[in-house]
Amino acid sequence: MSTNTTDNSRKVTTRRLIEMKSRGEKIAMLTAYDYSSARILDEAGIDVLLVGDSASNVMAGNLTTLPITLDQMIYHAKSVMKATRRALVVVDLPFGTYQGNSKEALASAIRIMKESHAEAVKMEGGSEIRESIERILCAGIPVMGHLGLTPQSINKFGTYSVRAREEEEALKLIDDAKMLEEIGCFAIVLEKIPAALAEQVAKEVTIPIIGIGAGGGVDGQVLVMHDMLGINQGFSPRFLRRYADLASIMHEAVQSYVGDVKSSSFPSEAESY
């Protein structure tokens, strides 16, 4: 097990994340979508597991996060929860389940919490979805915010380029972050924004700021598991560090298996009954 956390056996909660920020302990977060992977990540000492709508891309092969449904997110979240003992599990509310209708947003969040047993939800956006966030928070459901590049709005932006470079957008992001803290969100993901702006936000709010493509001046980092393990090799942004090349390892292993089956060297007598 990893020894990078203060107490690797202690359950991670929303309150503990705020404690980690207050003492300067960085927060490590990765995505997970299935039982086997989540078990490995949890045992390795990850602090937060995000059941991300990125499952639409890496699990289902869609070009964007938009097609994934609430039922599919609940399926993935159930699988992850069965494997997780220590990490805090956060589930993305998928596109179309909370924007513009706060009653539907609450119903969506309640379904995730009741059916998957997850511990929090994540929502993309600021003042535009304040009513939905507040309704969910009033029901006692923890909410993680998400500002900057918001992939569910890709058709509005038309690009995955860095957000909040211009002063007007940067000021709105700061205002939105403070608003999310004020109404009760327990943390915020900042995606693909200038590092100096992300660091400023992290200093101006008391809740943890988790960055992805937002520099090192924030309180923690999140990556998509398939990207950082080198399973998804078609995605190589500047912010991504690959910690393994599992695609090559898996390819080689499968080629060896195919060869052994074709040559009748598998199974051997020792592998037979």
Protein backbone atom coordinates (compact mmCIF):
# COMPACT_ATOMS: atom_id res chain seq x y z
CA MET A 1 0.00 0.00 0.00
CA SER A 2 0.98 3.60 -0.62
CA THR A 3 2.32 5.61 2.31
CA ASN A 4 1.64 8.98 0.73
CA THR A 5 -1.33 9.73 2.99
CA THR A 6 -1.30 10.51 6.68
CA ASP A 7 -3.51 7.52 7.59
CA ASN A 8 -4.04 5.14 4.72
CA SER A 9 -6.64 3.07 6.56
CA ARG A 10 -8.88 5.97 7.55
CA LYS A 11 -11.99 6.44 5.42
CA VAL A 12 -11.88 9.55 3.24
CA THR A 13 -14.89 11.84 3.68
CA THR A 14 -15.83 15.29 2.41
CA ARG A 15 -14.79 16.70 5.79
CA ARG A 16 -11.44 14.94 5.62
CA LEU A 17 -10.69 16.53 2.24
CA ILE A 18 -11.14 19.98 3.79
CA GLU A 19 -8.86 18.91 6.65
CA MET A 20 -6.26 17.80 4.10
CA LYS A 21 -6.33 21.20 2.43
CA SER A 22 -5.99 23.00 5.78
CA ARG A 23 -2.78 21.14 6.59
CA GLY A 24 -1.36 21.31 3.07
CA GLU A 25 -1.76 17.61 2.23
CA LYS A 26 -2.35 17.12 -1.49
CA ILE A 27 -5.39 15.16 -2.67
CA ALA A 28 -4.98 12.38 -5.25
CA MET A 29 -8.03 11.63 -7.41
CA LEU A 30 -8.56 9.28 -10.37
CA THR A 31 -11.53 8.07 -12.37
CA ALA A 32 -12.88 4.54 -12.01
CA TYR A 33 -15.74 2.76 -13.76
CA ASP A 34 -15.60 -0.91 -12.77
CA TYR A 35 -15.14 -3.19 -9.77
CA SER A 36 -11.70 -4.64 -10.58
CA SER A 37 -10.02 -1.33 -11.38
CA ALA A 38 -11.62 0.47 -8.45
CA ARG A 39 -10.38 -2.19 -6.04
CA ILE A 40 -6.80 -1.76 -7.26
CA LEU A 41 -6.95 2.04 -7.09
CA ASP A 42 -8.53 2.02 -3.63
CA GLU A 43 -5.96 -0.40 -2.23
CA ALA A 44 -3.16 1.73 -3.74
CA GLY A 45 -4.21 4.66 -1.55
CA ILE A 46 -6.17 6.94 -3.88
CA ASP A 47 -8.11 9.58 -1.93
CA VAL A 48 -11.05 10.16 -4.29
CA LEU A 49 -12.52 7.96 -7.00
CA LEU A 50 -14.55 9.82 -9.61
CA VAL A 51 -17.09 7.77 -11.52
CA GLY A 52 -16.75 10.16 -14.40
CA ASP A 53 -18.98 10.71 -17.38
CA SER A 54 -15.69 10.18 -19.23
CA ALA A 55 -16.94 6.58 -19.19
CA SER A 56 -18.81 7.72 -22.28
CA ASN A 57 -15.43 8.07 -24.01
CA VAL A 58 -13.16 5.39 -22.55
CA MET A 59 -15.73 2.69 -21.80
CA ALA A 60 -18.37 3.22 -24.50
CA GLY A 61 -16.28 4.73 -27.31
CA ASN A 62 -18.30 7.91 -27.77
CA LEU A 63 -16.63 11.08 -29.03
CA THR A 64 -18.04 13.22 -26.19
CA THR A 65 -19.43 12.77 -22.68
CA LEU A 66 -22.92 13.80 -23.77
CA PRO A 67 -24.46 10.41 -24.75
CA ILE A 68 -24.01 8.61 -21.42
CA THR A 69 -27.25 8.15 -19.49
CA LEU A 70 -28.15 8.32 -15.81
CA ASP A 71 -28.83 4.57 -15.79
CA GLN A 72 -25.37 3.89 -17.21
CA MET A 73 -23.71 6.16 -14.65
CA ILE A 74 -25.55 4.35 -11.86
CA TYR A 75 -24.38 1.00 -13.24
CA HIS A 76 -20.73 2.12 -13.20
CA ALA A 77 -21.11 3.71 -9.76
CA LYS A 78 -22.57 0.52 -8.28
CA SER A 79 -19.59 -1.45 -9.56
CA VAL A 80 -17.09 1.02 -8.12
CA MET A 81 -18.82 1.21 -4.74
CA LYS A 82 -18.68 -2.57 -4.30
CA ALA A 83 -14.87 -2.41 -4.55
CA THR A 84 -14.16 0.70 -2.49
CA ARG A 85 -13.32 0.73 1.21
CA ARG A 86 -11.24 3.88 1.78
CA ALA A 87 -11.65 6.39 -1.05
CA LEU A 88 -14.46 8.92 -1.29
CA VAL A 89 -16.60 8.01 -4.32
CA VAL A 90 -18.01 10.91 -6.36
CA VAL A 91 -20.32 10.40 -9.35
CA ASP A 92 -20.82 12.76 -12.28
CA LEU A 93 -24.37 13.84 -12.96
CA PRO A 94 -24.56 13.26 -16.73
CA PHE A 95 -25.59 15.80 -19.34
CA GLY A 96 -29.30 16.53 -19.39
CA THR A 97 -30.07 15.40 -15.85
CA TYR A 98 -29.70 18.71 -14.00
CA GLN A 99 -29.35 21.68 -16.36
CA GLY A 100 -32.39 23.97 -16.36
CA ASN A 101 -34.62 21.89 -14.08
CA SER A 102 -33.75 21.81 -10.40
CA LYS A 103 -36.45 19.26 -9.55
CA GLU A 104 -35.07 16.87 -12.16
CA ALA A 105 -31.57 17.58 -10.84
CA LEU A 106 -32.60 16.55 -7.33
CA ALA A 107 -34.35 13.42 -8.62
CA SER A 108 -31.21 12.48 -10.58
CA ALA A 109 -28.92 12.98 -7.60
CA ILE A 110 -31.25 11.01 -5.31
CA ARG A 111 -31.26 8.10 -7.76
CA ILE A 112 -27.46 8.04 -7.83
CA MET A 113 -27.19 8.10 -4.04
CA LYS A 114 -29.95 5.54 -3.36
CA GLU A 115 -29.19 3.07 -6.15
CA SER A 116 -25.39 3.16 -6.19
CA HIS A 117 -24.69 4.02 -2.51
CA ALA A 118 -22.18 6.63 -3.73
CA GLU A 119 -21.10 9.43 -1.42
CA ALA A 120 -21.31 12.61 -3.52
CA VAL A 121 -22.13 13.96 -6.97
CA LYS A 122 -20.25 16.29 -9.30
CA MET A 123 -21.85 18.95 -11.49
CA GLU A 124 -20.44 21.16 -14.26
CA GLY A 125 -21.14 24.87 -14.16
CA GLY A 126 -21.44 27.92 -11.94
CA SER A 127 -24.18 30.51 -11.50
CA GLU A 128 -26.15 29.00 -14.38
CA ILE A 129 -26.95 25.89 -12.33
CA ARG A 130 -27.02 27.44 -8.85
CA GLU A 131 -30.67 26.54 -8.25
CA SER A 132 -30.05 22.88 -9.08
CA ILE A 133 -26.99 22.70 -6.82
CA GLU A 134 -28.81 24.36 -3.94
CA ARG A 135 -31.77 21.99 -4.19
CA ILE A 136 -29.45 18.97 -4.12
CA LEU A 137 -27.45 20.36 -1.20
CA CYS A 138 -30.68 21.02 0.74
CA ALA A 139 -31.43 17.29 0.45
CA GLY A 140 -28.16 16.54 2.25
CA ILE A 141 -26.30 15.32 -0.83
CA PRO A 142 -22.66 16.53 -1.06
CA VAL A 143 -21.80 18.33 -4.30
CA MET A 144 -18.41 18.78 -5.97
CA GLY A 145 -18.35 21.65 -8.44
CA HIS A 146 -16.57 21.74 -11.82
CA LEU A 147 -15.47 24.96 -13.53
CA GLY A 148 -13.20 25.94 -16.41
CA LEU A 149 -13.39 23.55 -19.33
CA THR A 150 -16.71 21.78 -18.89
CA PRO A 151 -16.85 18.91 -21.41
CA GLN A 152 -20.65 18.66 -21.29
CA SER A 153 -20.71 22.12 -22.91
CA ILE A 154 -18.35 21.17 -25.75
CA ASN A 155 -20.91 22.01 -28.44
CA LYS A 156 -21.25 25.51 -26.98
CA PHE A 157 -17.49 26.13 -26.81
CA GLY A 158 -16.65 24.21 -29.99
CA THR A 159 -13.16 23.39 -28.70
CA TYR A 160 -11.33 21.72 -25.82
CA SER A 161 -8.80 24.57 -25.62
CA VAL A 162 -7.78 26.31 -22.39
CA ARG A 163 -10.55 28.31 -20.73
CA ALA A 164 -10.54 31.61 -18.79
CA ARG A 165 -7.56 33.20 -20.53
CA GLU A 166 -9.51 36.44 -20.98
CA GLU A 167 -10.14 38.67 -17.96
CA GLU A 168 -13.94 38.59 -18.18
CA GLU A 169 -14.11 34.79 -18.14
CA ALA A 170 -11.44 34.58 -15.43
CA LEU A 171 -13.37 36.96 -13.18
CA LYS A 172 -16.56 34.96 -13.69
CA LEU A 173 -14.72 31.76 -12.80
CA ILE A 174 -13.48 33.32 -9.55
CA ASP A 175 -16.98 34.54 -8.74
CA ASP A 176 -18.45 31.12 -9.52
CA ALA A 177 -15.88 29.35 -7.33
CA LYS A 178 -16.70 31.64 -4.39
CA MET A 179 -20.41 31.11 -5.01
CA LEU A 180 -19.99 27.32 -5.02
CA GLU A 181 -18.16 27.54 -1.71
CA GLU A 182 -20.76 29.90 -0.25
CA ILE A 183 -23.75 27.67 -1.05
CA GLY A 184 -22.03 24.59 0.37
CA CYS A 185 -20.06 22.61 -2.22
CA PHE A 186 -17.28 20.60 -0.55
CA ALA A 187 -14.72 20.85 -3.39
CA ILE A 188 -14.29 22.11 -6.95
CA VAL A 189 -12.57 20.64 -10.01
CA LEU A 190 -10.85 23.24 -12.20
CA GLU A 191 -10.17 21.91 -15.67
CA LYS A 192 -7.74 23.29 -18.24
CA ILE A 193 -7.31 26.87 -17.04
CA PRO A 194 -4.15 28.99 -16.54
CA ALA A 195 -2.09 27.77 -13.57
CA ALA A 196 -1.88 31.25 -12.01
CA LEU A 197 -5.67 31.60 -12.03
CA ALA A 198 -6.17 28.15 -10.50
CA GLU A 199 -3.66 28.94 -7.76
CA GLN A 200 -5.46 32.22 -7.04
CA VAL A 201 -8.79 30.42 -6.68
CA ALA A 202 -7.26 27.80 -4.39
CA LYS A 203 -5.98 30.57 -2.12
CA GLU A 204 -9.24 32.52 -2.07
CA VAL A 205 -11.56 29.65 -1.09
CA THR A 206 -11.36 27.32 1.90
CA ILE A 207 -12.69 24.21 0.09
CA PRO A 208 -10.29 21.96 -1.85
CA ILE A 209 -9.52 22.80 -5.49
CA ILE A 210 -8.71 19.74 -7.61
CA GLY A 211 -6.93 20.51 -10.86
CA ILE A 212 -6.73 18.81 -14.23
CA GLY A 213 -4.57 20.84 -16.56
CA ALA A 214 -4.59 23.63 -13.97
CA GLY A 215 -1.01 23.56 -12.68
CA GLY A 216 0.43 22.55 -9.34
CA GLY A 217 -0.75 25.44 -7.17
CA VAL A 218 -4.03 23.74 -6.29
CA ASP A 219 -4.96 21.30 -3.54
CA GLY A 220 -5.00 18.09 -5.56
CA GLN A 221 -4.98 16.51 -9.00
CA VAL A 222 -7.31 14.30 -11.02
CA LEU A 223 -6.66 12.31 -14.18
CA VAL A 224 -8.62 9.78 -16.18
CA MET A 225 -7.31 6.34 -15.24
CA HIS A 226 -7.22 5.10 -18.85
CA ASP A 227 -5.09 8.10 -19.84
CA MET A 228 -2.52 7.97 -17.03
CA LEU A 229 -2.09 4.18 -17.37
CA GLY A 230 -1.56 4.42 -21.12
CA ILE A 231 -4.62 2.36 -22.05
CA ASN A 232 -6.05 5.25 -24.06
CA GLN A 233 -3.18 6.24 -26.33
CA GLY A 234 -5.10 8.55 -28.63
CA PHE A 235 -5.23 11.38 -26.08
CA SER A 236 -2.03 13.29 -25.27
CA PRO A 237 -2.66 16.77 -23.84
CA ARG A 238 0.16 18.69 -22.20
CA PHE A 239 -1.22 18.09 -18.69
CA LEU A 240 -1.20 14.30 -18.99
CA ARG A 241 1.63 12.30 -17.42
CA ARG A 242 1.60 8.62 -18.38
CA TYR A 243 2.61 6.37 -15.50
CA ALA A 244 2.46 3.15 -17.53
CA ASP A 245 2.06 1.85 -21.06
CA LEU A 246 -0.60 -0.76 -20.44
CA ALA A 247 -1.83 -0.71 -24.03
CA SER A 248 1.52 -2.12 -25.22
CA ILE A 249 1.69 -4.62 -22.34
CA MET A 250 -1.84 -5.85 -23.05
CA HIS A 251 -1.21 -6.01 -26.80
CA GLU A 252 1.93 -8.09 -26.30
CA ALA A 253 0.22 -10.39 -23.79
CA VAL A 254 -2.72 -11.04 -26.12
CA GLN A 255 -0.38 -11.70 -29.05
CA SER A 256 1.49 -14.26 -26.92
CA TYR A 257 -1.78 -15.92 -25.93
CA VAL A 258 -2.96 -16.09 -29.55
CA GLY A 259 0.36 -17.58 -30.59
CA ASP A 260 0.29 -20.19 -27.80
CA VAL A 261 -3.26 -21.24 -28.68
CA LYS A 262 -2.47 -21.46 -32.41
CA SER A 263 0.65 -23.54 -31.75
CA SER A 264 -1.13 -25.77 -29.23
CA SER A 265 1.41 -24.89 -26.54
CA PHE A 266 -1.47 -23.68 -24.38
CA PRO A 267 -2.80 -25.38 -22.40
CA SER A 268 0.07 -27.60 -21.35
CA GLU A 269 -0.33 -30.92 -19.54
CA ALA A 270 0.25 -29.10 -16.24
CA GLU A 271 -2.61 -26.71 -17.10
CA SER A 272 -5.03 -29.55 -17.84
CA TYR A 273 -7.15 -31.74 -15.58
